[in-house]
Amino acid sequence: MWTGDGEDKVLYVQTHGVDDPGRCATPFFLAASAAAMECEVAIYFTMYGPQLLQRAVVDKIGPKGDRGEPLSYFINQARSLGVRLYVCQPSLDLNDLALEDLIDGVEMIGGAAFNDLAIRADAVVSF
């Protein structure tokens, strides 16, 4: 989970999915900003959030519809700065998804691991 003790740690929690595309990029944008500030950063996808990580979705939606960058742009930016992506197993089931349906690099964790991330984070921000 968290790898270092000296860095500030920020955990973003994404609960919204494809039905609210205006909220899809913000956690990635803020996570990239925090990572650029040399924080250790993770985004946890729960409830409907895992929908945003589907291979079939990331190039088709974005915060401004077809007038701006696709979600994949924001995901790639965050990942290139070291942001880790975690998904909730029960939320995959809720959305009829499997880990194989998601983009590469997403890690599945359970409730205890999420709670550990949240307890050890310096800040937890929810969307």
N, C-alpha and C. Protein backbone atom coordinates (compact mmCIF):
# COMPACT_ATOMS: atom_id res chain seq x y z
N MET A 1 0.84 -1.18 0.00
CA MET A 1 0.00 0.00 0.00
C MET A 1 0.89 1.24 0.00
N TRP A 2 0.91 1.97 1.11
CA TRP A 2 1.82 3.12 1.18
C TRP A 2 3.24 2.60 1.29
N THR A 3 4.16 3.21 0.56
CA THR A 3 5.51 2.68 0.51
C THR A 3 6.50 3.42 1.40
N GLY A 4 6.32 4.73 1.58
CA GLY A 4 7.29 5.50 2.35
C GLY A 4 6.69 6.11 3.59
N ASP A 5 7.56 6.47 4.53
CA ASP A 5 7.09 7.11 5.76
C ASP A 5 7.30 8.61 5.74
N GLY A 6 8.20 9.11 4.90
CA GLY A 6 8.53 10.53 4.92
C GLY A 6 7.63 11.42 4.08
N GLU A 7 6.97 10.85 3.10
CA GLU A 7 6.16 11.67 2.19
C GLU A 7 4.76 11.87 2.75
N ASP A 8 4.17 13.01 2.39
CA ASP A 8 2.75 13.20 2.68
C ASP A 8 1.96 12.22 1.84
N LYS A 9 0.86 11.72 2.39
CA LYS A 9 0.06 10.71 1.71
C LYS A 9 -1.35 11.25 1.52
N VAL A 10 -1.84 11.17 0.28
CA VAL A 10 -3.18 11.64 -0.05
C VAL A 10 -3.95 10.49 -0.70
N LEU A 11 -5.13 10.24 -0.18
CA LEU A 11 -6.01 9.21 -0.72
C LEU A 11 -7.27 9.86 -1.26
N TYR A 12 -7.55 9.64 -2.53
CA TYR A 12 -8.79 10.10 -3.15
C TYR A 12 -9.72 8.90 -3.26
N VAL A 13 -11.00 9.12 -3.05
CA VAL A 13 -12.00 8.07 -3.13
C VAL A 13 -13.00 8.47 -4.19
N GLN A 14 -13.11 7.67 -5.25
CA GLN A 14 -14.03 7.96 -6.36
C GLN A 14 -15.24 7.04 -6.27
N THR A 15 -16.42 7.62 -6.09
CA THR A 15 -17.65 6.84 -5.98
C THR A 15 -18.56 7.01 -7.19
N HIS A 16 -18.32 8.01 -8.02
CA HIS A 16 -19.19 8.28 -9.17
C HIS A 16 -18.69 7.54 -10.41
N GLY A 17 -19.62 7.17 -11.28
CA GLY A 17 -19.27 6.41 -12.47
C GLY A 17 -19.59 7.14 -13.75
N VAL A 18 -19.91 6.37 -14.77
CA VAL A 18 -20.10 6.91 -16.12
C VAL A 18 -21.35 7.78 -16.25
N ASP A 19 -22.29 7.66 -15.32
CA ASP A 19 -23.50 8.48 -15.39
C ASP A 19 -23.27 9.92 -14.98
N ASP A 20 -22.08 10.22 -14.46
CA ASP A 20 -21.75 11.58 -14.05
C ASP A 20 -20.37 11.96 -14.60
N PRO A 21 -20.24 12.08 -15.93
CA PRO A 21 -18.92 12.26 -16.54
C PRO A 21 -18.22 13.56 -16.13
N GLY A 22 -18.98 14.55 -15.70
CA GLY A 22 -18.36 15.79 -15.26
C GLY A 22 -17.47 15.62 -14.05
N ARG A 23 -17.68 14.55 -13.30
CA ARG A 23 -16.87 14.27 -12.12
C ARG A 23 -15.76 13.26 -12.38
N CYS A 24 -15.62 12.79 -13.60
CA CYS A 24 -14.71 11.67 -13.84
C CYS A 24 -13.24 12.05 -13.80
N ALA A 25 -12.86 13.24 -14.20
CA ALA A 25 -11.44 13.58 -14.32
C ALA A 25 -10.86 14.21 -13.07
N THR A 26 -11.68 14.82 -12.24
CA THR A 26 -11.17 15.59 -11.11
C THR A 26 -10.26 14.80 -10.18
N PRO A 27 -10.62 13.59 -9.75
CA PRO A 27 -9.69 12.86 -8.87
C PRO A 27 -8.33 12.60 -9.52
N PHE A 28 -8.31 12.32 -10.82
CA PHE A 28 -7.05 12.08 -11.51
C PHE A 28 -6.23 13.36 -11.61
N PHE A 29 -6.90 14.48 -11.91
CA PHE A 29 -6.22 15.77 -12.02
C PHE A 29 -5.60 16.16 -10.67
N LEU A 30 -6.40 16.05 -9.60
CA LEU A 30 -5.89 16.42 -8.29
C LEU A 30 -4.81 15.45 -7.81
N ALA A 31 -4.99 14.18 -8.11
CA ALA A 31 -3.97 13.19 -7.73
C ALA A 31 -2.65 13.47 -8.45
N ALA A 32 -2.72 13.82 -9.73
CA ALA A 32 -1.50 14.16 -10.48
C ALA A 32 -0.84 15.39 -9.88
N SER A 33 -1.64 16.37 -9.49
CA SER A 33 -1.09 17.58 -8.87
C SER A 33 -0.39 17.25 -7.56
N ALA A 34 -1.02 16.42 -6.73
CA ALA A 34 -0.41 16.03 -5.46
C ALA A 34 0.87 15.22 -5.68
N ALA A 35 0.86 14.34 -6.66
CA ALA A 35 2.05 13.55 -6.96
C ALA A 35 3.19 14.46 -7.45
N ALA A 36 2.85 15.48 -8.24
CA ALA A 36 3.86 16.43 -8.71
C ALA A 36 4.44 17.23 -7.54
N MET A 37 3.70 17.32 -6.45
CA MET A 37 4.15 17.99 -5.24
C MET A 37 4.91 17.03 -4.33
N GLU A 38 5.26 15.86 -4.87
CA GLU A 38 6.03 14.83 -4.20
C GLU A 38 5.29 14.17 -3.04
N CYS A 39 3.98 14.08 -3.16
CA CYS A 39 3.17 13.32 -2.22
C CYS A 39 3.03 11.90 -2.75
N GLU A 40 2.79 10.98 -1.86
CA GLU A 40 2.44 9.62 -2.24
C GLU A 40 0.92 9.61 -2.39
N VAL A 41 0.42 9.16 -3.55
CA VAL A 41 -0.99 9.36 -3.88
C VAL A 41 -1.63 8.06 -4.38
N ALA A 42 -2.87 7.84 -3.94
CA ALA A 42 -3.65 6.71 -4.42
C ALA A 42 -5.09 7.16 -4.65
N ILE A 43 -5.75 6.49 -5.58
CA ILE A 43 -7.19 6.69 -5.80
C ILE A 43 -7.85 5.33 -5.61
N TYR A 44 -8.89 5.33 -4.79
CA TYR A 44 -9.66 4.12 -4.50
C TYR A 44 -11.02 4.25 -5.16
N PHE A 45 -11.39 3.27 -5.96
CA PHE A 45 -12.64 3.28 -6.71
C PHE A 45 -13.63 2.33 -6.06
N THR A 46 -14.74 2.88 -5.60
CA THR A 46 -15.76 2.09 -4.93
C THR A 46 -17.14 2.52 -5.42
N MET A 47 -18.15 1.81 -5.04
CA MET A 47 -19.53 2.03 -5.49
C MET A 47 -19.56 2.00 -7.03
N TYR A 48 -19.80 3.12 -7.70
CA TYR A 48 -19.86 3.14 -9.17
C TYR A 48 -18.55 3.58 -9.81
N GLY A 49 -17.58 3.95 -8.99
CA GLY A 49 -16.28 4.40 -9.49
C GLY A 49 -15.57 3.42 -10.41
N PRO A 50 -15.63 2.11 -10.16
CA PRO A 50 -14.92 1.18 -11.04
C PRO A 50 -15.36 1.26 -12.51
N GLN A 51 -16.55 1.75 -12.76
CA GLN A 51 -17.00 1.91 -14.15
C GLN A 51 -16.03 2.76 -14.95
N LEU A 52 -15.40 3.73 -14.31
CA LEU A 52 -14.49 4.65 -15.00
C LEU A 52 -13.19 4.00 -15.42
N LEU A 53 -12.88 2.85 -14.89
CA LEU A 53 -11.62 2.18 -15.19
C LEU A 53 -11.75 1.12 -16.29
N GLN A 54 -12.93 0.99 -16.86
CA GLN A 54 -13.14 -0.01 -17.91
C GLN A 54 -12.36 0.35 -19.18
N ARG A 55 -11.71 -0.65 -19.74
CA ARG A 55 -10.98 -0.44 -21.01
C ARG A 55 -11.89 0.17 -22.07
N ALA A 56 -13.15 -0.26 -22.09
CA ALA A 56 -14.08 0.18 -23.12
C ALA A 56 -14.61 1.59 -22.87
N VAL A 57 -14.26 2.21 -21.75
CA VAL A 57 -14.84 3.49 -21.38
C VAL A 57 -13.84 4.65 -21.43
N VAL A 58 -12.59 4.41 -21.06
CA VAL A 58 -11.65 5.50 -20.80
C VAL A 58 -11.40 6.43 -21.99
N ASP A 59 -11.58 5.95 -23.20
CA ASP A 59 -11.39 6.81 -24.37
C ASP A 59 -12.71 7.39 -24.90
N LYS A 60 -13.82 7.00 -24.29
CA LYS A 60 -15.13 7.42 -24.79
C LYS A 60 -15.81 8.50 -23.97
N ILE A 61 -15.34 8.72 -22.74
CA ILE A 61 -15.95 9.76 -21.91
C ILE A 61 -14.88 10.72 -21.43
N GLY A 62 -15.33 11.88 -21.04
CA GLY A 62 -14.44 12.88 -20.47
C GLY A 62 -15.29 13.93 -19.78
N PRO A 63 -14.65 14.80 -19.03
CA PRO A 63 -15.41 15.78 -18.27
C PRO A 63 -16.19 16.78 -19.13
N LYS A 64 -15.76 16.98 -20.38
CA LYS A 64 -16.44 17.93 -21.26
C LYS A 64 -17.07 17.24 -22.46
N GLY A 65 -17.36 15.95 -22.31
CA GLY A 65 -17.95 15.22 -23.43
C GLY A 65 -16.96 15.10 -24.56
N ASP A 66 -17.41 15.35 -25.78
CA ASP A 66 -16.53 15.23 -26.95
C ASP A 66 -15.78 16.52 -27.25
N ARG A 67 -15.86 17.50 -26.35
CA ARG A 67 -15.19 18.79 -26.58
C ARG A 67 -13.84 18.91 -25.90
N GLY A 68 -13.42 17.90 -25.16
CA GLY A 68 -12.16 18.00 -24.44
C GLY A 68 -11.41 16.70 -24.45
N GLU A 69 -10.45 16.62 -23.56
CA GLU A 69 -9.63 15.42 -23.46
C GLU A 69 -10.45 14.26 -22.91
N PRO A 70 -10.17 13.05 -23.39
CA PRO A 70 -10.86 11.87 -22.84
C PRO A 70 -10.31 11.54 -21.46
N LEU A 71 -11.03 10.74 -20.73
CA LEU A 71 -10.61 10.33 -19.40
C LEU A 71 -9.23 9.69 -19.42
N SER A 72 -8.91 8.95 -20.46
CA SER A 72 -7.60 8.28 -20.54
C SER A 72 -6.45 9.28 -20.43
N TYR A 73 -6.63 10.49 -20.91
CA TYR A 73 -5.60 11.53 -20.81
C TYR A 73 -5.26 11.80 -19.34
N PHE A 74 -6.29 11.98 -18.53
CA PHE A 74 -6.11 12.28 -17.11
C PHE A 74 -5.56 11.08 -16.35
N ILE A 75 -6.02 9.89 -16.72
CA ILE A 75 -5.51 8.67 -16.09
C ILE A 75 -4.02 8.51 -16.39
N ASN A 76 -3.63 8.67 -17.65
CA ASN A 76 -2.23 8.52 -18.03
C ASN A 76 -1.34 9.55 -17.36
N GLN A 77 -1.84 10.76 -17.24
CA GLN A 77 -1.09 11.82 -16.56
C GLN A 77 -0.83 11.44 -15.11
N ALA A 78 -1.88 10.99 -14.42
CA ALA A 78 -1.73 10.61 -13.01
C ALA A 78 -0.79 9.41 -12.87
N ARG A 79 -1.00 8.40 -13.69
CA ARG A 79 -0.16 7.19 -13.60
C ARG A 79 1.30 7.51 -13.88
N SER A 80 1.58 8.40 -14.82
CA SER A 80 2.97 8.73 -15.15
C SER A 80 3.68 9.42 -13.98
N LEU A 81 2.91 9.97 -13.05
CA LEU A 81 3.49 10.63 -11.88
C LEU A 81 3.49 9.71 -10.65
N GLY A 82 3.10 8.45 -10.85
CA GLY A 82 3.19 7.47 -9.78
C GLY A 82 1.93 7.26 -8.96
N VAL A 83 0.80 7.80 -9.39
CA VAL A 83 -0.45 7.60 -8.67
C VAL A 83 -0.87 6.14 -8.80
N ARG A 84 -1.24 5.53 -7.68
CA ARG A 84 -1.68 4.13 -7.67
C ARG A 84 -3.20 4.08 -7.71
N LEU A 85 -3.72 3.10 -8.42
CA LEU A 85 -5.16 2.94 -8.57
C LEU A 85 -5.60 1.64 -7.91
N TYR A 86 -6.56 1.76 -6.99
CA TYR A 86 -7.08 0.60 -6.28
C TYR A 86 -8.58 0.50 -6.52
N VAL A 87 -9.07 -0.73 -6.60
CA VAL A 87 -10.50 -0.95 -6.82
C VAL A 87 -11.02 -1.89 -5.74
N CYS A 88 -12.27 -1.65 -5.37
CA CYS A 88 -12.98 -2.42 -4.35
C CYS A 88 -13.61 -3.66 -4.99
N GLN A 89 -13.31 -4.86 -4.46
CA GLN A 89 -13.86 -6.09 -5.01
C GLN A 89 -15.39 -6.11 -5.01
N PRO A 90 -16.08 -5.80 -3.90
CA PRO A 90 -17.55 -5.82 -3.95
C PRO A 90 -18.13 -4.83 -4.96
N SER A 91 -17.41 -3.74 -5.20
CA SER A 91 -17.90 -2.77 -6.18
C SER A 91 -17.76 -3.29 -7.61
N LEU A 92 -16.76 -4.13 -7.85
CA LEU A 92 -16.69 -4.79 -9.16
C LEU A 92 -17.93 -5.64 -9.35
N ASP A 93 -18.29 -6.41 -8.33
CA ASP A 93 -19.49 -7.24 -8.41
C ASP A 93 -20.74 -6.38 -8.61
N LEU A 94 -20.84 -5.27 -7.89
CA LEU A 94 -21.99 -4.37 -8.02
C LEU A 94 -22.19 -3.91 -9.46
N ASN A 95 -21.09 -3.69 -10.17
CA ASN A 95 -21.13 -3.18 -11.53
C ASN A 95 -20.98 -4.27 -12.59
N ASP A 96 -21.07 -5.54 -12.17
CA ASP A 96 -20.92 -6.67 -13.09
C ASP A 96 -19.61 -6.60 -13.88
N LEU A 97 -18.54 -6.28 -13.17
CA LEU A 97 -17.22 -6.16 -13.78
C LEU A 97 -16.26 -7.17 -13.16
N ALA A 98 -15.22 -7.49 -13.91
CA ALA A 98 -14.11 -8.30 -13.42
C ALA A 98 -12.84 -7.47 -13.55
N LEU A 99 -11.82 -7.81 -12.81
CA LEU A 99 -10.57 -7.07 -12.87
C LEU A 99 -10.03 -7.03 -14.30
N GLU A 100 -10.28 -8.08 -15.07
CA GLU A 100 -9.81 -8.15 -16.46
C GLU A 100 -10.50 -7.11 -17.37
N ASP A 101 -11.65 -6.58 -16.94
CA ASP A 101 -12.36 -5.57 -17.73
C ASP A 101 -11.73 -4.18 -17.58
N LEU A 102 -10.83 -4.04 -16.62
CA LEU A 102 -10.27 -2.74 -16.30
C LEU A 102 -8.93 -2.51 -16.98
N ILE A 103 -8.52 -1.26 -17.02
CA ILE A 103 -7.23 -0.91 -17.60
C ILE A 103 -6.12 -1.59 -16.82
N ASP A 104 -4.97 -1.70 -17.44
CA ASP A 104 -3.82 -2.33 -16.80
C ASP A 104 -3.36 -1.51 -15.59
N GLY A 105 -2.85 -2.21 -14.61
CA GLY A 105 -2.23 -1.55 -13.47
C GLY A 105 -3.14 -1.28 -12.29
N VAL A 106 -4.42 -1.60 -12.40
CA VAL A 106 -5.34 -1.41 -11.29
C VAL A 106 -5.18 -2.58 -10.32
N GLU A 107 -5.09 -2.26 -9.03
CA GLU A 107 -4.93 -3.28 -8.01
C GLU A 107 -6.23 -3.43 -7.23
N MET A 108 -6.64 -4.66 -6.99
CA MET A 108 -7.85 -4.92 -6.22
C MET A 108 -7.48 -5.08 -4.75
N ILE A 109 -8.21 -4.37 -3.89
CA ILE A 109 -7.98 -4.50 -2.45
C ILE A 109 -9.32 -4.66 -1.73
N GLY A 110 -9.25 -5.15 -0.52
CA GLY A 110 -10.45 -5.33 0.28
C GLY A 110 -10.64 -4.19 1.27
N GLY A 111 -11.66 -4.34 2.08
CA GLY A 111 -12.02 -3.30 3.03
C GLY A 111 -10.94 -3.01 4.06
N ALA A 112 -10.28 -4.04 4.57
CA ALA A 112 -9.23 -3.82 5.57
C ALA A 112 -8.07 -3.03 4.98
N ALA A 113 -7.68 -3.35 3.74
CA ALA A 113 -6.59 -2.62 3.09
C ALA A 113 -6.98 -1.17 2.83
N PHE A 114 -8.23 -0.95 2.41
CA PHE A 114 -8.70 0.43 2.22
C PHE A 114 -8.64 1.19 3.54
N ASN A 115 -9.13 0.58 4.61
CA ASN A 115 -9.13 1.25 5.91
C ASN A 115 -7.71 1.57 6.35
N ASP A 116 -6.77 0.69 6.08
CA ASP A 116 -5.38 0.96 6.41
C ASP A 116 -4.85 2.16 5.62
N LEU A 117 -5.18 2.22 4.33
CA LEU A 117 -4.78 3.38 3.53
C LEU A 117 -5.35 4.67 4.11
N ALA A 118 -6.63 4.64 4.45
CA ALA A 118 -7.29 5.83 4.96
C ALA A 118 -6.71 6.26 6.31
N ILE A 119 -6.46 5.31 7.19
CA ILE A 119 -5.91 5.62 8.51
C ILE A 119 -4.52 6.24 8.40
N ARG A 120 -3.72 5.73 7.48
CA ARG A 120 -2.34 6.18 7.35
C ARG A 120 -2.19 7.41 6.44
N ALA A 121 -3.25 7.80 5.75
CA ALA A 121 -3.19 8.97 4.86
C ALA A 121 -3.19 10.27 5.69
N ASP A 122 -2.53 11.28 5.15
CA ASP A 122 -2.58 12.60 5.76
C ASP A 122 -3.85 13.33 5.37
N ALA A 123 -4.42 12.95 4.24
CA ALA A 123 -5.67 13.55 3.78
C ALA A 123 -6.44 12.52 2.97
N VAL A 124 -7.77 12.50 3.15
CA VAL A 124 -8.67 11.65 2.37
C VAL A 124 -9.72 12.57 1.77
N VAL A 125 -9.83 12.51 0.44
CA VAL A 125 -10.78 13.37 -0.29
C VAL A 125 -11.71 12.46 -1.09
N SER A 126 -13.01 12.72 -0.98
CA SER A 126 -13.98 11.85 -1.63
C SER A 126 -14.74 12.59 -2.73
N PHE A 127 -14.98 11.85 -3.83
CA PHE A 127 -15.75 12.37 -4.96
C PHE A 127 -16.89 11.43 -5.25
